[in-house]
C-alpha atoms as a PDB file:
ATOM      1  CA  UNK A   1      24.969  -7.365 -32.647  1.00  0.00           C
ATOM      2  CA  UNK A   2      25.895 -10.038 -35.217  1.00  0.00           C
ATOM      3  CA  UNK A   3      23.291 -11.243 -37.700  1.00  0.00           C
ATOM      4  CA  UNK A   4      23.277 -14.691 -36.038  1.00  0.00           C
ATOM      5  CA  UNK A   5      22.709 -13.215 -32.585  1.00  0.00           C
ATOM      6  CA  UNK A   6      19.926 -11.028 -33.974  1.00  0.00           C
ATOM      7  CA  UNK A   7      18.210 -14.036 -35.611  1.00  0.00           C
ATOM      8  CA  UNK A   8      18.454 -15.995 -32.342  1.00  0.00           C
ATOM      9  CA  UNK A   9      17.034 -13.070 -30.371  1.00  0.00           C
ATOM     10  CA  UNK A  10      14.106 -12.665 -32.770  1.00  0.00           C
ATOM     11  CA  UNK A  11      13.314 -16.397 -32.658  1.00  0.00           C
ATOM     12  CA  UNK A  12      13.466 -16.487 -28.844  1.00  0.00           C
ATOM     13  CA  UNK A  13      11.081 -13.511 -28.737  1.00  0.00           C
ATOM     14  CA  UNK A  14       8.547 -15.472 -30.811  1.00  0.00           C
ATOM     15  CA  UNK A  15       9.412 -13.877 -34.130  1.00  0.00           C
ATOM     16  CA  UNK A  16       9.512 -15.124 -37.704  1.00  0.00           C
ATOM     17  CA  UNK A  17      12.764 -15.005 -39.679  1.00  0.00           C
ATOM     18  CA  UNK A  18      13.737 -15.608 -43.287  1.00  0.00           C
ATOM     19  CA  UNK A  19      16.833 -17.764 -43.733  1.00  0.00           C
ATOM     20  CA  UNK A  20      19.050 -19.611 -46.174  1.00  0.00           C
ATOM     21  CA  UNK A  21      19.030 -23.409 -45.975  1.00  0.00           C
ATOM     22  CA  UNK A  22      20.427 -26.483 -47.665  1.00  0.00           C
ATOM     23  CA  UNK A  23      17.612 -26.258 -50.238  1.00  0.00           C
ATOM     24  CA  UNK A  24      15.732 -22.972 -50.793  1.00  0.00           C
ATOM     25  CA  UNK A  25      15.114 -19.745 -48.900  1.00  0.00           C
ATOM     26  CA  UNK A  26      12.917 -20.470 -45.920  1.00  0.00           C
ATOM     27  CA  UNK A  27      10.849 -18.923 -43.178  1.00  0.00           C
ATOM     28  CA  UNK A  28      11.282 -20.173 -39.632  1.00  0.00           C
ATOM     29  CA  UNK A  29      10.054 -19.824 -36.083  1.00  0.00           C
ATOM     30  CA  UNK A  30      10.276 -21.788 -32.884  1.00  0.00           C
ATOM     31  CA  UNK A  31       7.854 -24.741 -32.873  1.00  0.00           C
ATOM     32  CA  UNK A  32       5.265 -23.409 -30.437  1.00  0.00           C
ATOM     33  CA  UNK A  33       1.553 -22.866 -31.089  1.00  0.00           C
ATOM     34  CA  UNK A  34       1.646 -19.055 -31.102  1.00  0.00           C
ATOM     35  CA  UNK A  35       4.606 -18.729 -33.495  1.00  0.00           C
ATOM     36  CA  UNK A  36       3.289 -21.499 -35.767  1.00  0.00           C
ATOM     37  CA  UNK A  37      -0.130 -19.802 -36.019  1.00  0.00           C
ATOM     38  CA  UNK A  38       1.549 -16.526 -36.966  1.00  0.00           C
ATOM     39  CA  UNK A  39       3.741 -18.263 -39.556  1.00  0.00           C
ATOM     40  CA  UNK A  40       0.649 -19.877 -41.109  1.00  0.00           C
ATOM     41  CA  UNK A  41      -1.114 -16.501 -41.229  1.00  0.00           C
ATOM     42  CA  UNK A  42       1.871 -14.707 -42.793  1.00  0.00           C
ATOM     43  CA  UNK A  43       2.311 -17.433 -45.395  1.00  0.00           C
ATOM     44  CA  UNK A  44      -1.475 -17.671 -45.985  1.00  0.00           C
ATOM     45  CA  UNK A  45      -1.080 -21.405 -45.581  1.00  0.00           C
ATOM     46  CA  UNK A  46      -4.100 -23.692 -45.063  1.00  0.00           C
ATOM     47  CA  UNK A  47      -4.192 -25.180 -41.558  1.00  0.00           C
ATOM     48  CA  UNK A  48      -4.164 -28.754 -42.869  1.00  0.00           C
ATOM     49  CA  UNK A  49      -0.665 -28.292 -44.384  1.00  0.00           C
ATOM     50  CA  UNK A  50       1.945 -28.874 -41.677  1.00  0.00           C
ATOM     51  CA  UNK A  51       5.355 -27.240 -41.386  1.00  0.00           C
ATOM     52  CA  UNK A  52       8.619 -29.178 -41.181  1.00  0.00           C
ATOM     53  CA  UNK A  53      11.261 -29.255 -38.491  1.00  0.00           C
ATOM     54  CA  UNK A  54      14.886 -28.423 -39.248  1.00  0.00           C
ATOM     55  CA  UNK A  55      17.597 -29.445 -36.795  1.00  0.00           C
ATOM     56  CA  UNK A  56      21.229 -30.445 -36.773  1.00  0.00           C
ATOM     57  CA  UNK A  57      20.769 -33.537 -34.568  1.00  0.00           C
ATOM     58  CA  UNK A  58      18.126 -36.059 -33.585  1.00  0.00           C
ATOM     59  CA  UNK A  59      18.474 -34.963 -29.971  1.00  0.00           C
ATOM     60  CA  UNK A  60      16.819 -31.655 -30.906  1.00  0.00           C
ATOM     61  CA  UNK A  61      13.858 -33.601 -32.317  1.00  0.00           C
ATOM     62  CA  UNK A  62      13.255 -35.819 -29.245  1.00  0.00           C
ATOM     63  CA  UNK A  63      10.112 -33.942 -28.160  1.00  0.00           C
ATOM     64  CA  UNK A  64       8.578 -34.225 -31.623  1.00  0.00           C
ATOM     65  CA  UNK A  65       9.312 -37.701 -33.015  1.00  0.00           C
ATOM     66  CA  UNK A  66       8.380 -41.105 -31.613  1.00  0.00           C
ATOM     67  CA  UNK A  67      11.104 -43.147 -33.250  1.00  0.00           C
ATOM     68  CA  UNK A  68      14.298 -44.991 -32.445  1.00  0.00           C
ATOM     69  CA  UNK A  69      17.289 -42.667 -32.259  1.00  0.00           C
ATOM     70  CA  UNK A  70      19.514 -45.151 -34.092  1.00  0.00           C
ATOM     71  CA  UNK A  71      18.229 -43.407 -37.230  1.00  0.00           C
ATOM     72  CA  UNK A  72      20.729 -40.538 -37.224  1.00  0.00           C
ATOM     73  CA  UNK A  73      23.104 -42.068 -39.786  1.00  0.00           C
ATOM     74  CA  UNK A  74      20.204 -42.852 -42.126  1.00  0.00           C
ATOM     75  CA  UNK A  75      18.972 -39.277 -41.832  1.00  0.00           C
ATOM     76  CA  UNK A  76      22.324 -37.601 -42.424  1.00  0.00           C
ATOM     77  CA  UNK A  77      24.069 -39.831 -44.960  1.00  0.00           C
ATOM     78  CA  UNK A  78      22.026 -38.811 -47.981  1.00  0.00           C
ATOM     79  CA  UNK A  79      23.346 -37.624 -51.346  1.00  0.00           C
ATOM     80  CA  UNK A  80      20.949 -34.673 -51.303  1.00  0.00           C
ATOM     81  CA  UNK A  81      18.796 -32.923 -48.698  1.00  0.00           C
ATOM     82  CA  UNK A  82      16.068 -35.335 -47.621  1.00  0.00           C
ATOM     83  CA  UNK A  83      13.033 -34.676 -45.464  1.00  0.00           C
ATOM     84  CA  UNK A  84      11.636 -37.687 -43.616  1.00  0.00           C
ATOM     85  CA  UNK A  85       8.105 -38.274 -42.427  1.00  0.00           C
ATOM     86  CA  UNK A  86       8.368 -39.800 -38.953  1.00  0.00           C
ATOM     87  CA  UNK A  87       5.700 -40.727 -36.415  1.00  0.00           C
ATOM     88  CA  UNK A  88       4.939 -37.699 -34.219  1.00  0.00           C
ATOM     89  CA  UNK A  89       4.805 -37.761 -30.430  1.00  0.00           C
ATOM     90  CA  UNK A  90       1.531 -37.039 -28.678  1.00  0.00           C
ATOM     91  CA  UNK A  91       2.958 -33.698 -27.498  1.00  0.00           C
ATOM     92  CA  UNK A  92       4.034 -32.490 -30.951  1.00  0.00           C
ATOM     93  CA  UNK A  93       2.252 -29.255 -31.954  1.00  0.00           C
ATOM     94  CA  UNK A  94      -0.647 -29.965 -34.323  1.00  0.00           C
ATOM     95  CA  UNK A  95       0.669 -27.438 -36.883  1.00  0.00           C
ATOM     96  CA  UNK A  96       3.575 -29.849 -37.464  1.00  0.00           C
ATOM     97  CA  UNK A  97       1.541 -33.056 -37.810  1.00  0.00           C
ATOM     98  CA  UNK A  98       0.297 -34.365 -41.157  1.00  0.00           C
ATOM     99  CA  UNK A  99      -2.796 -36.489 -41.788  1.00  0.00           C
ATOM    100  CA  UNK A 100      -0.962 -39.756 -41.057  1.00  0.00           C
ATOM    101  CA  UNK A 101       0.164 -38.459 -37.619  1.00  0.00           C
ATOM    102  CA  UNK A 102       3.690 -37.935 -38.928  1.00  0.00           C
ATOM    103  CA  UNK A 103       5.992 -34.945 -38.675  1.00  0.00           C
ATOM    104  CA  UNK A 104       8.378 -33.894 -41.457  1.00  0.00           C
ATOM    105  CA  UNK A 105      11.983 -33.559 -40.253  1.00  0.00           C
ATOM    106  CA  UNK A 106      15.294 -32.791 -41.920  1.00  0.00           C
ATOM    107  CA  UNK A 107      18.712 -32.841 -40.358  1.00  0.00           C
ATOM    108  CA  UNK A 108      20.469 -29.970 -42.052  1.00  0.00           C
ATOM    109  CA  UNK A 109      24.178 -29.435 -42.402  1.00  0.00           C
ATOM    110  CA  UNK A 110      23.746 -25.890 -43.700  1.00  0.00           C
ATOM    111  CA  UNK A 111      25.837 -23.597 -41.472  1.00  0.00           C
ATOM    112  CA  UNK A 112      22.949 -21.183 -40.823  1.00  0.00           C
ATOM    113  CA  UNK A 113      20.566 -23.924 -39.716  1.00  0.00           C
ATOM    114  CA  UNK A 114      23.269 -25.620 -37.651  1.00  0.00           C
ATOM    115  CA  UNK A 115      24.127 -22.376 -35.834  1.00  0.00           C
ATOM    116  CA  UNK A 116      20.488 -21.469 -35.218  1.00  0.00           C
ATOM    117  CA  UNK A 117      19.393 -24.917 -34.072  1.00  0.00           C
ATOM    118  CA  UNK A 118      22.384 -25.286 -31.749  1.00  0.00           C
ATOM    119  CA  UNK A 119      21.296 -22.046 -30.098  1.00  0.00           C
ATOM    120  CA  UNK A 120      17.505 -22.464 -29.964  1.00  0.00           C
ATOM    121  CA  UNK A 121      16.745 -26.108 -30.821  1.00  0.00           C
ATOM    122  CA  UNK A 122      14.673 -27.391 -33.703  1.00  0.00           C
ATOM    123  CA  UNK A 123      13.149 -24.820 -36.037  1.00  0.00           C
ATOM    124  CA  UNK A 124       9.713 -24.993 -37.617  1.00  0.00           C
ATOM    125  CA  UNK A 125      10.298 -24.028 -41.229  1.00  0.00           C
ATOM    126  CA  UNK A 126       8.734 -23.713 -44.645  1.00  0.00           C
ATOM    127  CA  UNK A 127       9.713 -22.418 -48.055  1.00  0.00           C
ATOM    128  CA  UNK A 128       9.793 -18.628 -48.440  1.00  0.00           C
ATOM    129  CA  UNK A 129       6.676 -18.022 -50.466  1.00  0.00           C
ATOM    130  CA  UNK A 130       3.048 -17.160 -50.049  1.00  0.00           C
ATOM    131  CA  UNK A 131       0.990 -20.337 -50.253  1.00  0.00           C
ATOM    132  CA  UNK A 132       0.550 -21.375 -53.880  1.00  0.00           C
ATOM    133  CA  UNK A 133       3.213 -19.004 -55.251  1.00  0.00           C
ATOM    134  CA  UNK A 134       6.775 -19.676 -56.371  1.00  0.00           C
ATOM    135  CA  UNK A 135       9.470 -19.696 -53.706  1.00  0.00           C
ATOM    136  CA  UNK A 136      11.373 -16.432 -53.472  1.00  0.00           C
ATOM    137  CA  UNK A 137      14.790 -16.806 -55.084  1.00  0.00           C
ATOM    138  CA  UNK A 138      16.412 -13.955 -53.174  1.00  0.00           C
ATOM    139  CA  UNK A 139      15.722 -11.514 -50.365  1.00  0.00           C
ATOM    140  CA  UNK A 140      14.464  -8.822 -52.775  1.00  0.00           C
ATOM    141  CA  UNK A 141      11.690 -11.155 -53.990  1.00  0.00           C
ATOM    142  CA  UNK A 142      11.061 -12.202 -50.413  1.00  0.00           C
ATOM    143  CA  UNK A 143      10.505  -8.594 -49.335  1.00  0.00           C
ATOM    144  CA  UNK A 144       8.081  -8.093 -52.248  1.00  0.00           C
ATOM    145  CA  UNK A 145       6.009 -11.106 -51.175  1.00  0.00           C
ATOM    146  CA  UNK A 146       5.980 -10.487 -47.424  1.00  0.00           C
ATOM    147  CA  UNK A 147       6.674  -6.794 -46.909  1.00  0.00           C
ATOM    148  CA  UNK A 148       7.007  -5.950 -43.221  1.00  0.00           C
ATOM    149  CA  UNK A 149       5.428  -9.221 -41.991  1.00  0.00           C
ATOM    150  CA  UNK A 150       8.797 -10.860 -41.298  1.00  0.00           C
ATOM    151  CA  UNK A 151      10.666  -9.875 -38.164  1.00  0.00           C
ATOM    152  CA  UNK A 152      14.187 -10.476 -39.473  1.00  0.00           C
ATOM    153  CA  UNK A 153      15.945 -11.419 -42.706  1.00  0.00           C
ATOM    154  CA  UNK A 154      18.897 -13.593 -41.709  1.00  0.00           C
ATOM    155  CA  UNK A 155      20.832 -12.961 -44.907  1.00  0.00           C
ATOM    156  CA  UNK A 156      24.047 -14.794 -44.113  1.00  0.00           C
ATOM    157  CA  UNK A 157      25.530 -17.071 -46.750  1.00  0.00           C
ATOM    158  CA  UNK A 158      23.493 -18.623 -49.513  1.00  0.00           C
ATOM    159  CA  UNK A 159      20.972 -21.386 -50.008  1.00  0.00           C
ATOM    160  CA  UNK A 160      21.879 -24.787 -51.318  1.00  0.00           C
ATOM    161  CA  UNK A 161      20.431 -26.458 -54.379  1.00  0.00           C
ATOM    162  CA  UNK A 162      17.583 -24.034 -55.009  1.00  0.00           C
ATOM    163  CA  UNK A 163      15.290 -27.057 -55.186  1.00  0.00           C
ATOM    164  CA  UNK A 164      12.946 -28.503 -52.604  1.00  0.00           C
ATOM    165  CA  UNK A 165      14.184 -31.512 -50.681  1.00  0.00           C
ATOM    166  CA  UNK A 166      13.349 -35.101 -51.395  1.00  0.00           C
ATOM    167  CA  UNK A 167      10.586 -36.431 -49.098  1.00  0.00           C
ATOM    168  CA  UNK A 168      10.680 -40.031 -47.832  1.00  0.00           C
ATOM    169  CA  UNK A 169       8.273 -41.843 -45.525  1.00  0.00           C
ATOM    170  CA  UNK A 170      10.706 -43.374 -43.037  1.00  0.00           C
ATOM    171  CA  UNK A 171       8.461 -46.317 -42.140  1.00  0.00           C
ATOM    172  CA  UNK A 172       7.634 -47.434 -45.699  1.00  0.00           C
ATOM    173  CA  UNK A 173      10.733 -45.961 -47.425  1.00  0.00           C
ATOM    174  CA  UNK A 174       8.330 -44.652 -50.086  1.00  0.00           C
ATOM    175  CA  UNK A 175       9.724 -41.594 -51.891  1.00  0.00           C
ATOM    176  CA  UNK A 176       6.920 -39.044 -51.942  1.00  0.00           C
ATOM    177  CA  UNK A 177       8.891 -36.333 -53.743  1.00  0.00           C
ATOM    178  CA  UNK A 178      12.097 -37.010 -55.622  1.00  0.00           C
END
């Protein structure tokens, strides 16, 4: 079984994977309550800190964001990876919603994220680190931080910039992290 097929199988079974992205190493699961609760527990993340959604198209985000879909060009034509805060739908899982009722979304052009999201839809994701610690720079560090807690290490390719994405509030255009 290819590494991509294995990652897809693990995600569909409710598992947590580690993955490369357009920014840093990440952890991901499908955006359902059970998987999100497990991801929060593994990461030791406080419940008030939401996860982001990674996808390769706005169509994959339709169940999560309550915005006009004419935004796709604005979300993809950025000089560097940018995460947008967008108004969440009423059916969006609470583990994805921030205090202003927004969900963080990023359309990724990283081949791993594109392949995964085309197969399973949007991914709930977060940086690959225990809450409050530095992000793992490679899969060796990742294994040291998480041990056997992760169901699969999708070690295909490499991560992008090695830096967290820019965060922009879509409604106000305020840059929250440069």
